C-alpha atoms as a PDB file:
ATOM      1  CA  MET A   1     -95.616-126.287  93.635  1.00  0.00           C
ATOM      2  CA  ASN A   2     -94.366-126.391  90.065  1.00  0.00           C
ATOM      3  CA  LYS A   3     -97.625-126.962  88.258  1.00  0.00           C
ATOM      4  CA  ILE A   4     -99.312-123.685  87.401  1.00  0.00           C
ATOM      5  CA  GLY A   5    -102.699-123.571  85.786  1.00  0.00           C
ATOM      6  CA  MET A   6    -105.261-121.144  84.612  1.00  0.00           C
ATOM      7  CA  ILE A   7    -108.742-120.901  85.986  1.00  0.00           C
ATOM      8  CA  GLY A   8    -111.686-120.631  83.658  1.00  0.00           C
ATOM      9  CA  LEU A   9    -114.979-118.861  84.169  1.00  0.00           C
ATOM     10  CA  ILE A  10    -118.219-120.829  84.013  1.00  0.00           C
ATOM     11  CA  GLY A  11    -121.836-119.839  84.484  1.00  0.00           C
ATOM     12  CA  ALA A  12    -121.125-116.500  86.107  1.00  0.00           C
ATOM     13  CA  ALA A  13    -122.742-113.122  85.677  1.00  0.00           C
ATOM     14  CA  SER A  14    -120.157-110.368  85.831  1.00  0.00           C
ATOM     15  CA  LEU A  15    -121.519-107.052  87.038  1.00  0.00           C
ATOM     16  CA  ALA A  16    -118.297-105.046  86.882  1.00  0.00           C
ATOM     17  CA  ALA A  17    -118.184-102.449  84.140  1.00  0.00           C
ATOM     18  CA  ALA A  18    -114.870-103.197  82.441  1.00  0.00           C
ATOM     19  CA  ALA A  19    -115.170-100.137  80.227  1.00  0.00           C
ATOM     20  CA  ASN A  20    -115.059 -97.795  83.227  1.00  0.00           C
ATOM     21  CA  ALA A  21    -111.950 -96.659  85.027  1.00  0.00           C
ATOM     22  CA  GLY A  22    -111.063 -98.521  88.194  1.00  0.00           C
ATOM     23  CA  PHE A  23    -112.230-101.978  89.213  1.00  0.00           C
ATOM     24  CA  THR A  24    -112.657-104.438  86.332  1.00  0.00           C
ATOM     25  CA  GLY A  25    -113.626-107.633  88.173  1.00  0.00           C
ATOM     26  CA  TRP A  26    -112.172-110.562  90.105  1.00  0.00           C
ATOM     27  CA  GLN A  27    -109.418-112.684  88.586  1.00  0.00           C
ATOM     28  CA  ALA A  28    -107.661-115.807  89.828  1.00  0.00           C
ATOM     29  CA  ILE A  29    -104.542-117.943  89.424  1.00  0.00           C
ATOM     30  CA  ALA A  30    -104.251-121.578  90.530  1.00  0.00           C
ATOM     31  CA  ARG A  31    -101.285-123.872  91.099  1.00  0.00           C
ATOM     32  CA  SER A  32    -100.675-127.306  92.579  1.00  0.00           C
ATOM     33  CA  SER A  33     -99.669-127.894  96.172  1.00  0.00           C
ATOM     34  CA  GLY A  34     -99.232-131.646  96.433  1.00  0.00           C
ATOM     35  CA  SER A  35    -102.708-133.146  96.010  1.00  0.00           C
ATOM     36  CA  ASN A  36    -104.313-129.753  96.775  1.00  0.00           C
ATOM     37  CA  THR A  37    -104.721-126.514  94.815  1.00  0.00           C
ATOM     38  CA  ILE A  38    -103.761-122.997  95.840  1.00  0.00           C
ATOM     39  CA  VAL A  39    -105.943-120.274  94.335  1.00  0.00           C
ATOM     40  CA  ASP A  40    -104.942-116.621  94.623  1.00  0.00           C
ATOM     41  CA  VAL A  41    -107.702-114.097  93.859  1.00  0.00           C
ATOM     42  CA  PHE A  42    -107.207-110.461  92.890  1.00  0.00           C
ATOM     43  CA  ALA A  43    -109.290-107.371  92.276  1.00  0.00           C
ATOM     44  CA  GLY A  44    -108.506-106.384  88.689  1.00  0.00           C
ATOM     45  CA  PHE A  45    -107.841-102.744  87.822  1.00  0.00           C
ATOM     46  CA  ASN A  46    -107.088-100.611  84.777  1.00  0.00           C
ATOM     47  CA  THR A  47    -104.132 -98.535  85.893  1.00  0.00           C
ATOM     48  CA  ALA A  48    -101.308 -98.612  88.403  1.00  0.00           C
ATOM     49  CA  GLY A  49    -102.792 -95.564  90.119  1.00  0.00           C
ATOM     50  CA  ASP A  50    -105.936 -97.460  91.107  1.00  0.00           C
ATOM     51  CA  LYS A  51    -106.178 -98.259  94.817  1.00  0.00           C
ATOM     52  CA  LEU A  52    -108.435-100.833  96.515  1.00  0.00           C
ATOM     53  CA  LEU A  53    -109.909 -99.607  99.804  1.00  0.00           C
ATOM     54  CA  ASN A  54    -112.059-102.554 100.907  1.00  0.00           C
ATOM     55  CA  VAL A  55    -114.151-105.491  99.719  1.00  0.00           C
ATOM     56  CA  PHE A  56    -117.599-106.100 101.206  1.00  0.00           C
ATOM     57  CA  ASN A  57    -120.824-108.089 100.918  1.00  0.00           C
ATOM     58  CA  MET A  58    -118.698-111.056  99.870  1.00  0.00           C
ATOM     59  CA  ASN A  59    -120.060-114.543  99.217  1.00  0.00           C
ATOM     60  CA  ILE A  60    -117.256-117.067  98.766  1.00  0.00           C
ATOM     61  CA  ALA A  61    -117.512-120.857  98.641  1.00  0.00           C
ATOM     62  CA  VAL A  62    -116.256-123.975  96.900  1.00  0.00           C
ATOM     63  CA  THR A  63    -118.525-126.679  95.457  1.00  0.00           C
ATOM     64  CA  GLY A  64    -118.257-130.247  94.226  1.00  0.00           C
ATOM     65  CA  GLY A  65    -117.272-131.684  97.593  1.00  0.00           C
ATOM     66  CA  ALA A  66    -114.262-129.363  97.887  1.00  0.00           C
ATOM     67  CA  ALA A  67    -113.381-127.420 101.029  1.00  0.00           C
ATOM     68  CA  PHE A  68    -111.061-124.636 102.094  1.00  0.00           C
ATOM     69  CA  VAL A  69    -108.197-125.905 104.243  1.00  0.00           C
ATOM     70  CA  GLN A  70    -106.903-124.341 107.440  1.00  0.00           C
ATOM     71  CA  GLN A  71    -103.994-126.515 108.479  1.00  0.00           C
ATOM     72  CA  ALA A  72    -103.562-127.006 112.204  1.00  0.00           C
ATOM     73  CA  GLY A  73    -100.101-125.929 113.265  1.00  0.00           C
ATOM     74  CA  VAL A  74     -99.478-124.039 110.028  1.00  0.00           C
ATOM     75  CA  ALA A  75     -99.508-120.245 110.234  1.00  0.00           C
ATOM     76  CA  PRO A  76    -101.881-118.536 110.164  1.00  0.00           C
ATOM     77  CA  SER A  77    -104.559-121.294 110.487  1.00  0.00           C
ATOM     78  CA  LYS A  78    -107.218-118.561 110.342  1.00  0.00           C
ATOM     79  CA  TRP A  79    -108.635-116.131 107.775  1.00  0.00           C
ATOM     80  CA  LYS A  80    -106.646-113.286 109.341  1.00  0.00           C
ATOM     81  CA  PRO A  81    -103.138-113.427 107.864  1.00  0.00           C
ATOM     82  CA  ILE A  82     -99.970-112.995 109.854  1.00  0.00           C
ATOM     83  CA  ASP A  83     -98.871-109.503 108.868  1.00  0.00           C
ATOM     84  CA  ASP A  84     -95.654-109.364 106.844  1.00  0.00           C
ATOM     85  CA  THR A  85     -95.336-113.180 107.171  1.00  0.00           C
ATOM     86  CA  SER A  86     -98.204-114.872 105.323  1.00  0.00           C
ATOM     87  CA  SER A  87     -97.213-115.092 101.673  1.00  0.00           C
ATOM     88  CA  THR A  88     -98.021-116.536  98.277  1.00  0.00           C
ATOM     89  CA  SER A  89     -96.133-119.687  99.219  1.00  0.00           C
ATOM     90  CA  SER A  90     -98.149-120.294 102.417  1.00  0.00           C
ATOM     91  CA  VAL A  91     -99.864-123.690 102.423  1.00  0.00           C
ATOM     92  CA  ASP A  92    -102.986-122.417 104.157  1.00  0.00           C
ATOM     93  CA  SER A  93    -106.058-120.241 103.510  1.00  0.00           C
ATOM     94  CA  PHE A  94    -106.354-116.549 104.406  1.00  0.00           C
ATOM     95  CA  VAL A  95    -107.617-113.239 103.038  1.00  0.00           C
ATOM     96  CA  THR A  96    -105.722-109.979 102.649  1.00  0.00           C
ATOM     97  CA  LEU A  97    -106.181-106.462 101.366  1.00  0.00           C
ATOM     98  CA  GLY A  98    -103.044-105.890  99.346  1.00  0.00           C
ATOM     99  CA  GLY A  99     -99.470-107.019  99.683  1.00  0.00           C
ATOM    100  CA  PHE A 100     -95.870-106.202  98.863  1.00  0.00           C
ATOM    101  CA  SER A 101     -92.878-107.839  97.226  1.00  0.00           C
ATOM    102  CA  TYR A 102     -89.677-108.643  99.080  1.00  0.00           C
ATOM    103  CA  GLY A 103     -86.825-110.869  97.983  1.00  0.00           C
ATOM    104  CA  GLY A 104     -88.859-112.485  95.215  1.00  0.00           C
ATOM    105  CA  GLU A 105     -91.773-113.383  97.505  1.00  0.00           C
ATOM    106  CA  PHE A 106     -95.083-111.562  97.957  1.00  0.00           C
ATOM    107  CA  PHE A 107     -96.368-110.923 101.500  1.00  0.00           C
ATOM    108  CA  THR A 108     -99.694-109.832 102.982  1.00  0.00           C
ATOM    109  CA  SER A 109    -100.256-106.198 103.851  1.00  0.00           C
ATOM    110  CA  TYR A 110     -99.535-105.145 107.414  1.00  0.00           C
ATOM    111  CA  SER A 111    -102.907-103.423 107.890  1.00  0.00           C
ATOM    112  CA  SER A 112    -105.450-106.004 106.649  1.00  0.00           C
ATOM    113  CA  ALA A 113    -108.519-106.362 108.907  1.00  0.00           C
ATOM    114  CA  GLY A 114    -111.957-107.975 108.857  1.00  0.00           C
ATOM    115  CA  ASP A 115    -115.206-106.010 109.057  1.00  0.00           C
ATOM    116  CA  PRO A 116    -117.974-106.781 111.622  1.00  0.00           C
ATOM    117  CA  ASN A 117    -119.679-109.231 109.243  1.00  0.00           C
ATOM    118  CA  PHE A 118    -116.527-111.368 109.138  1.00  0.00           C
ATOM    119  CA  THR A 119    -117.393-113.009 112.458  1.00  0.00           C
ATOM    120  CA  ASN A 120    -114.803-115.801 112.255  1.00  0.00           C
ATOM    121  CA  TYR A 121    -111.949-113.684 110.892  1.00  0.00           C
ATOM    122  CA  THR A 122    -109.698-114.551 113.843  1.00  0.00           C
ATOM    123  CA  THR A 123    -111.103-118.025 114.566  1.00  0.00           C
ATOM    124  CA  ASN A 124    -108.606-120.866 114.392  1.00  0.00           C
ATOM    125  CA  ASN A 125    -109.232-123.480 111.684  1.00  0.00           C
ATOM    126  CA  ALA A 126    -112.347-121.767 110.270  1.00  0.00           C
ATOM    127  CA  THR A 127    -113.045-123.280 106.838  1.00  0.00           C
ATOM    128  CA  THR A 128    -115.980-121.129 105.689  1.00  0.00           C
ATOM    129  CA  ILE A 129    -116.455-117.392 105.164  1.00  0.00           C
ATOM    130  CA  PRO A 130    -119.713-115.887 106.509  1.00  0.00           C
ATOM    131  CA  ALA A 131    -122.193-114.470 104.022  1.00  0.00           C
ATOM    132  CA  LEU A 132    -121.685-110.758 103.328  1.00  0.00           C
ATOM    133  CA  ALA A 133    -118.302-110.701 105.061  1.00  0.00           C
ATOM    134  CA  GLY A 134    -115.782-108.047 104.143  1.00  0.00           C
ATOM    135  CA  TRP A 135    -112.261-106.912 104.832  1.00  0.00           C
ATOM    136  CA  TYR A 136    -110.243-103.758 104.388  1.00  0.00           C
ATOM    137  CA  ASN A 137    -106.863-102.130 104.828  1.00  0.00           C
ATOM    138  CA  GLY A 138    -106.587 -99.960 107.920  1.00  0.00           C
ATOM    139  CA  SER A 139    -104.027 -97.721 106.201  1.00  0.00           C
ATOM    140  CA  PRO A 140    -105.709 -96.078 103.182  1.00  0.00           C
ATOM    141  CA  THR A 141    -102.451 -94.373 102.209  1.00  0.00           C
ATOM    142  CA  SER A 142    -100.487 -97.643 102.138  1.00  0.00           C
ATOM    143  CA  PRO A 143     -98.708 -98.459  98.858  1.00  0.00           C
ATOM    144  CA  ASP A 144     -99.693-102.093  99.487  1.00  0.00           C
ATOM    145  CA  ILE A 145    -103.201-101.450  98.135  1.00  0.00           C
ATOM    146  CA  LEU A 146    -102.120 -99.974  94.791  1.00  0.00           C
ATOM    147  CA  ALA A 147    -102.822-102.063  91.686  1.00  0.00           C
ATOM    148  CA  ILE A 148     -99.579-103.741  90.585  1.00  0.00           C
ATOM    149  CA  ASN A 149     -98.146-105.893  87.839  1.00  0.00           C
ATOM    150  CA  LEU A 150     -98.932-109.368  89.163  1.00  0.00           C
ATOM    151  CA  ALA A 151     -96.449-111.164  86.922  1.00  0.00           C
ATOM    152  CA  THR A 152     -93.480-109.386  88.464  1.00  0.00           C
ATOM    153  CA  ALA A 153     -94.797-109.403  92.035  1.00  0.00           C
ATOM    154  CA  SER A 154     -94.287-113.122  92.681  1.00  0.00           C
ATOM    155  CA  SER A 155     -92.644-116.036  90.926  1.00  0.00           C
ATOM    156  CA  ASN A 156     -95.680-118.114  91.912  1.00  0.00           C
ATOM    157  CA  TRP A 157     -97.843-116.008  89.588  1.00  0.00           C
ATOM    158  CA  THR A 158     -95.482-115.821  86.611  1.00  0.00           C
ATOM    159  CA  GLY A 159     -96.607-117.779  83.563  1.00  0.00           C
ATOM    160  CA  ALA A 160    -100.274-118.107  84.477  1.00  0.00           C
ATOM    161  CA  LYS A 161    -103.390-116.106  83.910  1.00  0.00           C
ATOM    162  CA  ASP A 162    -106.983-117.107  84.355  1.00  0.00           C
ATOM    163  CA  SER A 163    -108.775-117.537  81.041  1.00  0.00           C
ATOM    164  CA  ALA A 164    -111.616-115.272  82.143  1.00  0.00           C
ATOM    165  CA  SER A 165    -109.462-112.556  83.633  1.00  0.00           C
ATOM    166  CA  ALA A 166    -111.002-109.142  84.017  1.00  0.00           C
ATOM    167  CA  ALA A 167    -109.982-106.454  81.557  1.00  0.00           C
ATOM    168  CA  GLY A 168    -106.543-105.060  82.209  1.00  0.00           C
ATOM    169  CA  ASN A 169    -103.438-106.711  83.620  1.00  0.00           C
ATOM    170  CA  LEU A 170    -103.126-105.131  87.052  1.00  0.00           C
ATOM    171  CA  GLY A 171    -104.549-106.194  90.372  1.00  0.00           C
ATOM    172  CA  VAL A 172    -104.634-106.080  94.172  1.00  0.00           C
ATOM    173  CA  TRP A 173    -104.306-109.340  96.114  1.00  0.00           C
ATOM    174  CA  VAL A 174    -107.435-110.178  98.157  1.00  0.00           C
ATOM    175  CA  GLY A 175    -107.409-113.907  98.914  1.00  0.00           C
ATOM    176  CA  HIS A 176    -105.204-116.999  99.178  1.00  0.00           C
ATOM    177  CA  PHE A 177    -107.162-120.257  99.270  1.00  0.00           C
ATOM    178  CA  LEU A 178    -105.919-123.806  99.792  1.00  0.00           C
ATOM    179  CA  VAL A 179    -108.531-126.175  98.343  1.00  0.00           C
ATOM    180  CA  ASN A 180    -108.448-129.907  99.084  1.00  0.00           C
ATOM    181  CA  ARG A 181    -108.734-130.883  95.418  1.00  0.00           C
ATOM    182  CA  SER A 182    -106.155-131.377  92.697  1.00  0.00           C
ATOM    183  CA  ILE A 183    -105.713-128.684  90.072  1.00  0.00           C
ATOM    184  CA  THR A 184    -106.496-131.340  87.445  1.00  0.00           C
ATOM    185  CA  ASP A 185    -109.833-132.246  89.055  1.00  0.00           C
ATOM    186  CA  ALA A 186    -112.601-130.501  87.082  1.00  0.00           C
ATOM    187  CA  SER A 187    -115.371-131.442  89.521  1.00  0.00           C
ATOM    188  CA  TRP A 188    -115.107-128.419  91.821  1.00  0.00           C
ATOM    189  CA  THR A 189    -115.588-124.678  91.448  1.00  0.00           C
ATOM    190  CA  LEU A 190    -114.826-121.543  93.444  1.00  0.00           C
ATOM    191  CA  THR A 191    -117.536-118.876  93.660  1.00  0.00           C
ATOM    192  CA  PHE A 192    -116.226-115.385  94.402  1.00  0.00           C
ATOM    193  CA  SER A 193    -118.868-112.678  94.560  1.00  0.00           C
ATOM    194  CA  GLY A 194    -119.048-109.248  96.153  1.00  0.00           C
ATOM    195  CA  SER A 195    -118.234-105.564  95.912  1.00  0.00           C
ATOM    196  CA  ALA A 196    -115.080-103.476  95.781  1.00  0.00           C
ATOM    197  CA  ALA A 197    -114.548 -99.895  96.950  1.00  0.00           C
ATOM    198  CA  PHE A 198    -111.694 -98.060  95.266  1.00  0.00           C
ATOM    199  CA  ASN A 199    -110.288 -94.581  94.790  1.00  0.00           C
ATOM    200  CA  THR A 200    -111.161 -93.853  91.154  1.00  0.00           C
ATOM    201  CA  GLY A 201    -114.917 -94.426  90.945  1.00  0.00           C
ATOM    202  CA  THR A 202    -118.052 -95.636  92.662  1.00  0.00           C
ATOM    203  CA  ASN A 203    -118.267 -99.033  94.364  1.00  0.00           C
ATOM    204  CA  GLN A 204    -118.759-101.916  91.940  1.00  0.00           C
ATOM    205  CA  ALA A 205    -119.898-105.527  92.321  1.00  0.00           C
ATOM    206  CA  ASP A 206    -118.682-108.578  90.422  1.00  0.00           C
ATOM    207  CA  SER A 207    -119.648-112.259  90.607  1.00  0.00           C
ATOM    208  CA  ARG A 208    -117.550-115.063  89.097  1.00  0.00           C
ATOM    209  CA  VAL A 209    -117.412-118.832  89.266  1.00  0.00           C
ATOM    210  CA  PHE A 210    -113.904-120.150  88.659  1.00  0.00           C
ATOM    211  CA  HIS A 211    -113.306-123.669  87.375  1.00  0.00           C
ATOM    212  CA  ASN A 212    -109.964-125.443  87.203  1.00  0.00           C
ATOM    213  CA  ILE A 213    -108.515-126.145  83.783  1.00  0.00           C
ATOM    214  CA  PRO A 214    -105.130-127.923  83.551  1.00  0.00           C
ATOM    215  CA  ALA A 215    -102.629-125.707  81.773  1.00  0.00           C
ATOM    216  CA  PRO A 216    -101.009-127.129  78.609  1.00  0.00           C
ATOM    217  CA  GLY A 217     -97.553-125.606  78.889  1.00  0.00           C
ATOM    218  CA  ALA A 218     -96.692-121.955  79.296  1.00  0.00           C
ATOM    219  CA  LEU A 219     -99.468-119.394  79.490  1.00  0.00           C
ATOM    220  CA  ALA A 220     -99.647-115.653  79.001  1.00  0.00           C
ATOM    221  CA  LEU A 221     -97.914-113.544  81.596  1.00  0.00           C
ATOM    222  CA  LEU A 222     -99.929-111.173  83.736  1.00  0.00           C
ATOM    223  CA  GLY A 223     -99.593-107.455  83.363  1.00  0.00           C
ATOM    224  CA  LEU A 224     -97.134-104.818  82.286  1.00  0.00           C
ATOM    225  CA  ALA A 225     -93.839-103.809  83.853  1.00  0.00           C
ATOM    226  CA  GLY A 226     -93.460-101.741  86.958  1.00  0.00           C
ATOM    227  CA  PHE A 227     -93.527-102.813  90.609  1.00  0.00           C
ATOM    228  CA  ALA A 228     -90.698-101.936  92.963  1.00  0.00           C
ATOM    229  CA  SER A 229     -89.790-104.489  95.638  1.00  0.00           C
ATOM    230  CA  ARG A 230     -89.989-103.270  99.205  1.00  0.00           C
ATOM    231  CA  ARG A 231     -90.173-104.601 102.752  1.00  0.00           C
ATOM    232  CA  ARG A 232     -92.588-103.055 105.236  1.00  0.00           C
ATOM    233  CA  ARG A 233     -91.277-102.124 108.630  1.00  0.00           C
ATOM    234  CA  ALA A 234     -93.454-102.247 111.726  1.00  0.00           C
END
């Protein structure tokens, strides 16, 4: 997975108020995985003290003949991640509410859970997300849900930033999607729309359509310095 690209924004109405403290909108990073593309999506924030509590009323889909992949026999093979095991290098699709760095890799938060609208959260090989689904972190005091410097959290994210990134350089990891299309194929898009609840303001909604753009060489790094590696214990 050595080809890292940025994702551009097309035809999307952003409802997040970037000038306000807290949530600034969804942002995404894409990279190659063989003939497929891995897209990691984050909730953007202004400061390292911002904390994401849950995402809800989500509408997420890919177009242009693309599909999310849940690989049979590959953990987790469902939208629910395997706590402390599913990571940025996983060749599969899942959602999460936060994560933590350990040994140069970034892992899903131990307390991620789906809300009642996420009816196939634990279904094996589910390749769609229900309309208005949501997920949250069951431990609101967890450091995993603090906004972090994405560039230093994982080597998979270093050197790439989406060209329509929300204001600010910090974020909380919310989704890891394996799409059955090459990163160089411009025919497909990823729609990511919904609301975020956080600790520094009222709930805000944001809607973006991400479109792959091959990256010509090195791109801007994400974020500022400052995320301490740690390993969660059960």
